[in-house]
């Protein structure tokens, strides 16, 4: 296997920062991330709005039994409980997002450093090739001048 293929195989085998970070998450962290993702979606807002509308409608038009009469104290308690749990879960997810951003920035910085070193190495190599070519051209000119002086 030549070096370029070997290098590509190593790059593919190496995990990126996102895969490495995902593997370090606990079950609780994964649950918090999925809850925060779900609560921050339009589908959650639409479903919750639909359920609240049904709750209010059933309590307003219920002829026999009102389990939560207007001003819907039980519904307010449900929302307060939901908010009490949602806020810390969302904050945990945001903290992990900050950690992911920090790890990604570090990986990007390392990539930039590696690229800079590689570009500098290529610049040095190109300069040495240029110098070698110039040396060959000068040598050829010198030989041509020597041949001209010998032929005269």
C-alpha atoms as a PDB file:
ATOM      1  CA  UNK A   1       0.000   0.000   0.000  1.00  0.00           C
ATOM      2  CA  UNK A   2       1.522   3.331  -0.962  1.00  0.00           C
ATOM      3  CA  UNK A   3       1.773   6.259   1.440  1.00  0.00           C
ATOM      4  CA  UNK A   4      -1.186   8.222   0.070  1.00  0.00           C
ATOM      5  CA  UNK A   5      -3.550   5.252   0.401  1.00  0.00           C
ATOM      6  CA  UNK A   6      -2.159   4.512   3.859  1.00  0.00           C
ATOM      7  CA  UNK A   7      -2.713   8.130   4.918  1.00  0.00           C
ATOM      8  CA  UNK A   8      -6.297   8.061   3.634  1.00  0.00           C
ATOM      9  CA  UNK A   9      -6.963   4.837   5.536  1.00  0.00           C
ATOM     10  CA  UNK A  10      -5.624   6.400   8.746  1.00  0.00           C
ATOM     11  CA  UNK A  11      -7.807   9.490   8.268  1.00  0.00           C
ATOM     12  CA  UNK A  12     -10.904   7.353   7.722  1.00  0.00           C
ATOM     13  CA  UNK A  13     -10.131   5.159  10.735  1.00  0.00           C
ATOM     14  CA  UNK A  14      -9.616   8.155  13.034  1.00  0.00           C
ATOM     15  CA  UNK A  15     -12.783   9.400  14.709  1.00  0.00           C
ATOM     16  CA  UNK A  16     -13.784  13.015  14.383  1.00  0.00           C
ATOM     17  CA  UNK A  17     -14.410  15.241  17.390  1.00  0.00           C
ATOM     18  CA  UNK A  18     -18.187  14.774  17.220  1.00  0.00           C
ATOM     19  CA  UNK A  19     -18.004  10.978  17.361  1.00  0.00           C
ATOM     20  CA  UNK A  20     -15.531  11.115  20.246  1.00  0.00           C
ATOM     21  CA  UNK A  21     -17.726  13.562  22.178  1.00  0.00           C
ATOM     22  CA  UNK A  22     -20.899  11.544  21.555  1.00  0.00           C
ATOM     23  CA  UNK A  23     -19.265   8.431  22.982  1.00  0.00           C
ATOM     24  CA  UNK A  24     -18.509  10.222  26.269  1.00  0.00           C
ATOM     25  CA  UNK A  25     -22.150  11.184  26.949  1.00  0.00           C
ATOM     26  CA  UNK A  26     -23.974   9.382  29.737  1.00  0.00           C
ATOM     27  CA  UNK A  27     -27.515   8.075  29.378  1.00  0.00           C
ATOM     28  CA  UNK A  28     -28.807  11.081  31.344  1.00  0.00           C
ATOM     29  CA  UNK A  29     -26.991  13.477  29.043  1.00  0.00           C
ATOM     30  CA  UNK A  30     -28.428  11.774  25.982  1.00  0.00           C
ATOM     31  CA  UNK A  31     -31.941  11.948  27.459  1.00  0.00           C
ATOM     32  CA  UNK A  32     -31.514  15.628  28.348  1.00  0.00           C
ATOM     33  CA  UNK A  33     -30.305  16.389  24.813  1.00  0.00           C
ATOM     34  CA  UNK A  34     -33.243  14.592  23.229  1.00  0.00           C
ATOM     35  CA  UNK A  35     -35.748  16.278  25.590  1.00  0.00           C
ATOM     36  CA  UNK A  36     -34.264  19.709  24.836  1.00  0.00           C
ATOM     37  CA  UNK A  37     -34.306  18.949  21.120  1.00  0.00           C
ATOM     38  CA  UNK A  38     -37.923  17.831  21.308  1.00  0.00           C
ATOM     39  CA  UNK A  39     -39.090  20.786  23.397  1.00  0.00           C
ATOM     40  CA  UNK A  40     -37.387  23.179  21.018  1.00  0.00           C
ATOM     41  CA  UNK A  41     -39.307  21.986  17.985  1.00  0.00           C
ATOM     42  CA  UNK A  42     -42.388  23.174  16.152  1.00  0.00           C
ATOM     43  CA  UNK A  43     -43.979  19.757  16.503  1.00  0.00           C
ATOM     44  CA  UNK A  44     -43.828  20.085  20.307  1.00  0.00           C
ATOM     45  CA  UNK A  45     -45.388  23.548  20.202  1.00  0.00           C
ATOM     46  CA  UNK A  46     -48.161  22.405  17.844  1.00  0.00           C
ATOM     47  CA  UNK A  47     -48.941  19.250  19.844  1.00  0.00           C
ATOM     48  CA  UNK A  48     -48.912  21.132  23.138  1.00  0.00           C
ATOM     49  CA  UNK A  49     -51.168  23.866  21.726  1.00  0.00           C
ATOM     50  CA  UNK A  50     -53.568  21.201  20.447  1.00  0.00           C
ATOM     51  CA  UNK A  51     -53.652  19.426  23.842  1.00  0.00           C
ATOM     52  CA  UNK A  52     -54.200  22.703  25.737  1.00  0.00           C
ATOM     53  CA  UNK A  53     -57.048  23.647  23.393  1.00  0.00           C
ATOM     54  CA  UNK A  54     -58.679  20.233  23.945  1.00  0.00           C
ATOM     55  CA  UNK A  55     -58.163  20.550  27.732  1.00  0.00           C
ATOM     56  CA  UNK A  56     -59.830  23.970  27.793  1.00  0.00           C
ATOM     57  CA  UNK A  57     -62.621  22.946  25.443  1.00  0.00           C
ATOM     58  CA  UNK A  58     -63.483  19.837  27.447  1.00  0.00           C
ATOM     59  CA  UNK A  59     -63.543  21.831  30.674  1.00  0.00           C
ATOM     60  CA  UNK A  60     -65.552  24.688  29.251  1.00  0.00           C
ATOM     61  CA  UNK A  61     -68.247  22.591  27.561  1.00  0.00           C
ATOM     62  CA  UNK A  62     -68.298  19.628  29.955  1.00  0.00           C
ATOM     63  CA  UNK A  63     -71.852  19.443  31.271  1.00  0.00           C
ATOM     64  CA  UNK A  64     -71.342  16.827  33.939  1.00  0.00           C
ATOM     65  CA  UNK A  65     -67.767  16.956  35.184  1.00  0.00           C
ATOM     66  CA  UNK A  66     -65.241  19.792  35.144  1.00  0.00           C
ATOM     67  CA  UNK A  67     -61.927  18.474  36.468  1.00  0.00           C
ATOM     68  CA  UNK A  68     -60.257  21.864  35.966  1.00  0.00           C
ATOM     69  CA  UNK A  69     -62.732  24.715  35.916  1.00  0.00           C
ATOM     70  CA  UNK A  70     -61.867  28.173  34.642  1.00  0.00           C
ATOM     71  CA  UNK A  71     -59.225  29.751  35.311  1.00  0.00           C
ATOM     72  CA  UNK A  72     -57.631  26.306  34.790  1.00  0.00           C
ATOM     73  CA  UNK A  73     -55.527  26.106  37.959  1.00  0.00           C
ATOM     74  CA  UNK A  74     -54.558  22.480  37.291  1.00  0.00           C
ATOM     75  CA  UNK A  75     -53.402  23.391  33.780  1.00  0.00           C
ATOM     76  CA  UNK A  76     -51.264  26.194  35.256  1.00  0.00           C
ATOM     77  CA  UNK A  77     -49.791  23.691  37.722  1.00  0.00           C
ATOM     78  CA  UNK A  78     -48.960  21.328  34.834  1.00  0.00           C
ATOM     79  CA  UNK A  79     -47.241  24.169  32.956  1.00  0.00           C
ATOM     80  CA  UNK A  80     -45.326  25.263  36.068  1.00  0.00           C
ATOM     81  CA  UNK A  81     -44.122  21.704  36.642  1.00  0.00           C
ATOM     82  CA  UNK A  82     -43.168  21.365  32.991  1.00  0.00           C
ATOM     83  CA  UNK A  83     -41.219  24.637  33.138  1.00  0.00           C
ATOM     84  CA  UNK A  84     -39.519  23.638  36.413  1.00  0.00           C
ATOM     85  CA  UNK A  85     -38.146  20.498  34.779  1.00  0.00           C
ATOM     86  CA  UNK A  86     -37.611  21.880  31.286  1.00  0.00           C
ATOM     87  CA  UNK A  87     -35.423  24.828  32.280  1.00  0.00           C
ATOM     88  CA  UNK A  88     -32.596  22.832  33.932  1.00  0.00           C
ATOM     89  CA  UNK A  89     -32.749  20.130  31.249  1.00  0.00           C
ATOM     90  CA  UNK A  90     -32.416  22.743  28.504  1.00  0.00           C
ATOM     91  CA  UNK A  91     -29.593  24.455  30.423  1.00  0.00           C
ATOM     92  CA  UNK A  92     -27.753  21.114  30.697  1.00  0.00           C
ATOM     93  CA  UNK A  93     -28.130  20.631  26.942  1.00  0.00           C
ATOM     94  CA  UNK A  94     -26.838  24.168  26.339  1.00  0.00           C
ATOM     95  CA  UNK A  95     -23.830  23.516  28.570  1.00  0.00           C
ATOM     96  CA  UNK A  96     -23.046  20.383  26.583  1.00  0.00           C
ATOM     97  CA  UNK A  97     -23.451  22.377  23.360  1.00  0.00           C
ATOM     98  CA  UNK A  98     -20.885  24.840  24.722  1.00  0.00           C
ATOM     99  CA  UNK A  99     -18.574  21.904  25.448  1.00  0.00           C
ATOM    100  CA  UNK A 100     -19.094  20.568  21.911  1.00  0.00           C
ATOM    101  CA  UNK A 101     -18.393  24.011  20.455  1.00  0.00           C
ATOM    102  CA  UNK A 102     -15.216  24.269  22.528  1.00  0.00           C
ATOM    103  CA  UNK A 103     -14.025  20.831  21.375  1.00  0.00           C
ATOM    104  CA  UNK A 104     -14.866  21.689  17.751  1.00  0.00           C
ATOM    105  CA  UNK A 105     -12.997  24.996  18.003  1.00  0.00           C
ATOM    106  CA  UNK A 106      -9.988  23.153  19.424  1.00  0.00           C
ATOM    107  CA  UNK A 107     -10.137  20.589  16.602  1.00  0.00           C
ATOM    108  CA  UNK A 108     -10.468  23.375  14.013  1.00  0.00           C
ATOM    109  CA  UNK A 109      -7.503  25.188  15.556  1.00  0.00           C
ATOM    110  CA  UNK A 110      -5.405  22.009  15.429  1.00  0.00           C
ATOM    111  CA  UNK A 111      -6.427  21.468  11.797  1.00  0.00           C
ATOM    112  CA  UNK A 112      -5.368  25.021  10.983  1.00  0.00           C
ATOM    113  CA  UNK A 113      -2.002  24.523  12.692  1.00  0.00           C
ATOM    114  CA  UNK A 114      -1.445  21.252  10.808  1.00  0.00           C
ATOM    115  CA  UNK A 115      -2.399  22.900   7.519  1.00  0.00           C
ATOM    116  CA  UNK A 116      -0.054  25.829   8.213  1.00  0.00           C
ATOM    117  CA  UNK A 117       2.849  23.465   8.942  1.00  0.00           C
ATOM    118  CA  UNK A 118       2.119  21.497   5.779  1.00  0.00           C
ATOM    119  CA  UNK A 119       1.939  24.670   3.676  1.00  0.00           C
ATOM    120  CA  UNK A 120       5.227  25.885   5.157  1.00  0.00           C
ATOM    121  CA  UNK A 121       6.841  22.516   4.389  1.00  0.00           C
ATOM    122  CA  UNK A 122       5.545  22.682   0.814  1.00  0.00           C
ATOM    123  CA  UNK A 123       6.840  26.251   0.458  1.00  0.00           C
ATOM    124  CA  UNK A 124      10.298  25.119   1.613  1.00  0.00           C
ATOM    125  CA  UNK A 125      10.199  22.175  -0.793  1.00  0.00           C
ATOM    126  CA  UNK A 126       9.158  24.411  -3.696  1.00  0.00           C
ATOM    127  CA  UNK A 127      11.920  26.858  -2.843  1.00  0.00           C
ATOM    128  CA  UNK A 128      14.508  24.080  -2.805  1.00  0.00           C
ATOM    129  CA  UNK A 129      13.230  22.792  -6.176  1.00  0.00           C
ATOM    130  CA  UNK A 130      13.427  26.330  -7.528  1.00  0.00           C
ATOM    131  CA  UNK A 131      16.994  26.705  -6.270  1.00  0.00           C
ATOM    132  CA  UNK A 132      17.976  23.362  -7.792  1.00  0.00           C
ATOM    133  CA  UNK A 133      16.523  24.389 -11.144  1.00  0.00           C
ATOM    134  CA  UNK A 134      18.328  27.713 -11.024  1.00  0.00           C
ATOM    135  CA  UNK A 135      21.580  25.939 -10.158  1.00  0.00           C
ATOM    136  CA  UNK A 136      21.107  23.607 -13.141  1.00  0.00           C
ATOM    137  CA  UNK A 137      20.353  26.553 -15.442  1.00  0.00           C
ATOM    138  CA  UNK A 138      23.473  28.391 -14.236  1.00  0.00           C
ATOM    139  CA  UNK A 139      25.525  25.234 -14.695  1.00  0.00           C
ATOM    140  CA  UNK A 140      24.145  24.807 -18.232  1.00  0.00           C
ATOM    141  CA  UNK A 141      24.929  28.458 -19.053  1.00  0.00           C
ATOM    142  CA  UNK A 142      28.457  28.035 -17.720  1.00  0.00           C
ATOM    143  CA  UNK A 143      28.941  24.920 -19.851  1.00  0.00           C
ATOM    144  CA  UNK A 144      27.605  26.740 -22.903  1.00  0.00           C
ATOM    145  CA  UNK A 145      30.011  29.606 -22.249  1.00  0.00           C
ATOM    146  CA  UNK A 146      32.918  27.169 -21.851  1.00  0.00           C
ATOM    147  CA  UNK A 147      31.966  25.426 -25.108  1.00  0.00           C
ATOM    148  CA  UNK A 148      31.772  28.795 -26.904  1.00  0.00           C
ATOM    149  CA  UNK A 149      35.207  29.817 -25.683  1.00  0.00           C
ATOM    150  CA  UNK A 150      36.685  26.448 -26.672  1.00  0.00           C
ATOM    151  CA  UNK A 151      35.176  26.658 -30.173  1.00  0.00           C
ATOM    152  CA  UNK A 152      36.655  30.116 -30.808  1.00  0.00           C
END
